[in-house]
C-alpha atoms as a PDB file:
ATOM      1  CA  MET A   1     -77.757  57.087 -71.912  1.00  0.00           C
ATOM      2  CA  SER A   2     -77.803  58.462 -68.361  1.00  0.00           C
ATOM      3  CA  VAL A   3     -76.957  56.558 -65.212  1.00  0.00           C
ATOM      4  CA  PHE A   4     -79.953  55.984 -62.955  1.00  0.00           C
ATOM      5  CA  GLY A   5     -77.935  54.326 -60.190  1.00  0.00           C
ATOM      6  CA  ILE A   6     -75.025  52.085 -59.284  1.00  0.00           C
ATOM      7  CA  GLY A   7     -74.742  49.289 -56.748  1.00  0.00           C
ATOM      8  CA  ILE A   8     -72.141  46.935 -55.331  1.00  0.00           C
ATOM      9  CA  ASP A   9     -72.298  43.997 -52.935  1.00  0.00           C
ATOM     10  CA  VAL A  10     -69.829  41.570 -51.359  1.00  0.00           C
ATOM     11  CA  VAL A  11     -70.926  38.225 -49.909  1.00  0.00           C
ATOM     12  CA  GLU A  12     -69.027  35.752 -47.769  1.00  0.00           C
ATOM     13  CA  VAL A  13     -69.143  32.438 -49.612  1.00  0.00           C
ATOM     14  CA  GLY A  14     -69.211  30.628 -46.249  1.00  0.00           C
ATOM     15  CA  ARG A  15     -72.455  32.376 -45.330  1.00  0.00           C
ATOM     16  CA  ILE A  16     -74.111  31.124 -48.506  1.00  0.00           C
ATOM     17  CA  ALA A  17     -72.654  27.636 -48.000  1.00  0.00           C
ATOM     18  CA  SER A  18     -74.106  27.600 -44.464  1.00  0.00           C
ATOM     19  CA  SER A  19     -77.531  28.653 -45.765  1.00  0.00           C
ATOM     20  CA  LEU A  20     -77.392  25.952 -48.429  1.00  0.00           C
ATOM     21  CA  GLU A  21     -76.544  23.349 -45.804  1.00  0.00           C
ATOM     22  CA  GLU A  22     -78.994  24.537 -43.155  1.00  0.00           C
ATOM     23  CA  PHE A  23     -82.006  25.512 -45.265  1.00  0.00           C
ATOM     24  CA  GLY A  24     -81.366  23.607 -48.507  1.00  0.00           C
ATOM     25  CA  GLU A  25     -84.137  23.743 -51.077  1.00  0.00           C
ATOM     26  CA  ARG A  26     -86.160  26.271 -49.069  1.00  0.00           C
ATOM     27  CA  PHE A  27     -83.286  28.762 -49.328  1.00  0.00           C
ATOM     28  CA  VAL A  28     -82.501  28.292 -53.006  1.00  0.00           C
ATOM     29  CA  THR A  29     -86.113  28.354 -54.215  1.00  0.00           C
ATOM     30  CA  ARG A  30     -86.764  31.584 -52.298  1.00  0.00           C
ATOM     31  CA  ILE A  31     -83.721  33.393 -53.742  1.00  0.00           C
ATOM     32  CA  PHE A  32     -82.820  31.824 -57.101  1.00  0.00           C
ATOM     33  CA  THR A  33     -84.750  31.024 -60.268  1.00  0.00           C
ATOM     34  CA  GLU A  34     -84.903  27.516 -61.661  1.00  0.00           C
ATOM     35  CA  ARG A  35     -82.280  28.324 -64.322  1.00  0.00           C
ATOM     36  CA  GLU A  36     -79.945  29.848 -61.723  1.00  0.00           C
ATOM     37  CA  ARG A  37     -80.312  26.805 -59.491  1.00  0.00           C
ATOM     38  CA  ALA A  38     -79.553  24.436 -62.369  1.00  0.00           C
ATOM     39  CA  TYR A  39     -76.510  26.458 -63.452  1.00  0.00           C
ATOM     40  CA  CYS A  40     -75.015  26.668 -59.957  1.00  0.00           C
ATOM     41  CA  ALA A  41     -75.777  23.059 -59.036  1.00  0.00           C
ATOM     42  CA  ALA A  42     -73.856  21.865 -62.106  1.00  0.00           C
ATOM     43  CA  LYS A  43     -70.649  23.547 -60.905  1.00  0.00           C
ATOM     44  CA  ALA A  44     -67.918  21.882 -58.833  1.00  0.00           C
ATOM     45  CA  LYS A  45     -68.359  24.505 -56.081  1.00  0.00           C
ATOM     46  CA  PRO A  46     -72.006  25.628 -56.308  1.00  0.00           C
ATOM     47  CA  GLU A  47     -71.693  27.925 -53.291  1.00  0.00           C
ATOM     48  CA  LEU A  48     -69.321  30.233 -55.235  1.00  0.00           C
ATOM     49  CA  HIS A  49     -71.832  30.686 -58.035  1.00  0.00           C
ATOM     50  CA  PHE A  50     -74.823  31.048 -55.708  1.00  0.00           C
ATOM     51  CA  ALA A  51     -72.889  33.682 -53.747  1.00  0.00           C
ATOM     52  CA  ALA A  52     -72.050  35.668 -56.891  1.00  0.00           C
ATOM     53  CA  ARG A  53     -75.692  35.644 -57.984  1.00  0.00           C
ATOM     54  CA  PHE A  54     -76.844  36.644 -54.511  1.00  0.00           C
ATOM     55  CA  ALA A  55     -74.414  39.584 -54.637  1.00  0.00           C
ATOM     56  CA  ALA A  56     -75.638  40.528 -58.132  1.00  0.00           C
ATOM     57  CA  LYS A  57     -79.247  40.710 -56.978  1.00  0.00           C
ATOM     58  CA  GLU A  58     -78.270  42.864 -53.995  1.00  0.00           C
ATOM     59  CA  ALA A  59     -76.183  45.128 -56.250  1.00  0.00           C
ATOM     60  CA  VAL A  60     -79.085  45.578 -58.684  1.00  0.00           C
ATOM     61  CA  ALA A  61     -81.486  46.420 -55.840  1.00  0.00           C
ATOM     62  CA  LYS A  62     -78.986  49.067 -54.680  1.00  0.00           C
ATOM     63  CA  ALA A  63     -78.608  50.452 -58.213  1.00  0.00           C
ATOM     64  CA  LEU A  64     -82.394  50.776 -58.442  1.00  0.00           C
ATOM     65  CA  GLY A  65     -82.580  52.278 -54.960  1.00  0.00           C
ATOM     66  CA  THR A  66     -85.304  49.869 -53.899  1.00  0.00           C
ATOM     67  CA  GLY A  67     -83.725  47.198 -51.746  1.00  0.00           C
ATOM     68  CA  ILE A  68     -85.312  43.759 -51.925  1.00  0.00           C
ATOM     69  CA  GLY A  69     -88.780  43.282 -50.518  1.00  0.00           C
ATOM     70  CA  LYS A  70     -91.568  45.761 -51.110  1.00  0.00           C
ATOM     71  CA  GLU A  71     -90.748  47.008 -54.614  1.00  0.00           C
ATOM     72  CA  ILE A  72     -88.821  44.089 -56.101  1.00  0.00           C
ATOM     73  CA  GLY A  73     -88.313  40.468 -55.099  1.00  0.00           C
ATOM     74  CA  TRP A  74     -85.465  37.992 -55.335  1.00  0.00           C
ATOM     75  CA  LEU A  75     -87.132  36.051 -58.128  1.00  0.00           C
ATOM     76  CA  ASP A  76     -87.810  39.214 -60.162  1.00  0.00           C
ATOM     77  CA  MET A  77     -84.092  39.206 -61.023  1.00  0.00           C
ATOM     78  CA  GLU A  78     -82.208  36.434 -62.814  1.00  0.00           C
ATOM     79  CA  VAL A  79     -78.534  36.235 -63.732  1.00  0.00           C
ATOM     80  CA  VAL A  80     -78.202  34.618 -67.165  1.00  0.00           C
ATOM     81  CA  ARG A  81     -75.284  34.198 -69.527  1.00  0.00           C
ATOM     82  CA  GLY A  82     -75.157  36.488 -72.539  1.00  0.00           C
ATOM     83  CA  GLU A  83     -74.192  35.427 -76.056  1.00  0.00           C
ATOM     84  CA  SER A  84     -70.455  35.544 -75.333  1.00  0.00           C
ATOM     85  CA  GLY A  85     -70.781  34.076 -71.825  1.00  0.00           C
ATOM     86  CA  GLU A  86     -70.907  37.362 -69.923  1.00  0.00           C
ATOM     87  CA  PRO A  87     -73.367  37.628 -67.034  1.00  0.00           C
ATOM     88  CA  THR A  88     -76.477  39.665 -67.743  1.00  0.00           C
ATOM     89  CA  MET A  89     -79.439  40.550 -65.561  1.00  0.00           C
ATOM     90  CA  GLN A  90     -82.871  39.546 -66.789  1.00  0.00           C
ATOM     91  CA  LEU A  91     -85.796  41.198 -65.017  1.00  0.00           C
ATOM     92  CA  SER A  92     -89.417  40.150 -64.628  1.00  0.00           C
ATOM     93  CA  GLY A  93     -92.402  40.963 -62.444  1.00  0.00           C
ATOM     94  CA  LYS A  94     -92.076  43.967 -60.156  1.00  0.00           C
ATOM     95  CA  ALA A  95     -88.445  44.653 -61.114  1.00  0.00           C
ATOM     96  CA  LEU A  96     -89.338  44.905 -64.796  1.00  0.00           C
ATOM     97  CA  LEU A  97     -92.314  47.135 -63.995  1.00  0.00           C
ATOM     98  CA  PHE A  98     -90.115  49.374 -61.815  1.00  0.00           C
ATOM     99  CA  CYS A  99     -87.594  49.775 -64.636  1.00  0.00           C
ATOM    100  CA  GLU A 100     -90.259  50.486 -67.238  1.00  0.00           C
ATOM    101  CA  THR A 101     -91.868  53.070 -64.949  1.00  0.00           C
ATOM    102  CA  HIS A 102     -88.541  54.815 -64.321  1.00  0.00           C
ATOM    103  CA  GLY A 103     -87.234  54.655 -67.890  1.00  0.00           C
ATOM    104  CA  ILE A 104     -84.422  52.226 -67.092  1.00  0.00           C
ATOM    105  CA  ARG A 105     -83.502  50.484 -70.329  1.00  0.00           C
ATOM    106  CA  GLU A 106     -80.548  48.374 -69.306  1.00  0.00           C
ATOM    107  CA  ILE A 107     -78.742  47.013 -66.257  1.00  0.00           C
ATOM    108  CA  LYS A 108     -75.100  46.076 -66.622  1.00  0.00           C
ATOM    109  CA  ILE A 109     -73.603  43.674 -64.075  1.00  0.00           C
ATOM    110  CA  SER A 110     -70.203  42.248 -63.307  1.00  0.00           C
ATOM    111  CA  LEU A 111     -69.553  39.256 -61.030  1.00  0.00           C
ATOM    112  CA  THR A 112     -66.450  37.846 -59.390  1.00  0.00           C
ATOM    113  CA  HIS A 113     -65.686  35.200 -56.812  1.00  0.00           C
ATOM    114  CA  ALA A 114     -62.738  33.801 -54.924  1.00  0.00           C
ATOM    115  CA  ARG A 115     -62.436  31.139 -52.249  1.00  0.00           C
ATOM    116  CA  GLU A 116     -64.032  33.215 -49.475  1.00  0.00           C
ATOM    117  CA  TYR A 117     -65.876  36.088 -51.147  1.00  0.00           C
ATOM    118  CA  ALA A 118     -68.110  36.832 -54.099  1.00  0.00           C
ATOM    119  CA  ALA A 119     -68.857  40.323 -55.338  1.00  0.00           C
ATOM    120  CA  ALA A 120     -70.968  42.036 -57.951  1.00  0.00           C
ATOM    121  CA  ASN A 121     -71.611  45.504 -59.224  1.00  0.00           C
ATOM    122  CA  ALA A 122     -74.508  46.868 -61.205  1.00  0.00           C
ATOM    123  CA  VAL A 123     -75.248  49.991 -63.216  1.00  0.00           C
ATOM    124  CA  ALA A 124     -78.824  50.914 -64.119  1.00  0.00           C
ATOM    125  CA  LEU A 125     -78.904  52.944 -67.347  1.00  0.00           C
ATOM    126  CA  GLY A 126     -81.450  55.171 -68.999  1.00  0.00           C
ATOM    127  CA  GLY A 127     -83.466  56.542 -66.110  1.00  0.00           C
ATOM    128  CA  ALA A 128     -84.367  60.140 -65.453  1.00  0.00           C
ATOM    129  CA  GLN A 129     -82.989  60.189 -61.895  1.00  0.00           C
ATOM    130  CA  GLY A 130     -79.297  60.474 -62.792  1.00  0.00           C
ATOM    131  CA  VAL A 131     -76.369  60.096 -60.438  1.00  0.00           C
END
């Protein structure tokens, strides 16, 4: 399988915590799916998990070469747990259509977070573009 693109993103956890405090529900419903919101809210430090998912979505948009906005939206991407607990990216809407159009069959992601930062990387596999 060929590599269509790769992406990485780092987010300051404090920035996400500030957005959660300042904008609350308006922020989370614009960026995160219902399942993501439920998962993060159930954690002792939700801001860490929101930040990691925010970074994952940015990393995927970079791997696809689209950015977030015109071609794919925040809610077109969802971080879910795989069978063994690993994070996986589930696509819908415009993101799924983009991948189908470009022959992308899989997107691998990896997430990490610490007290102050969260990071994610993404690899889009199967496209004709190649890196």
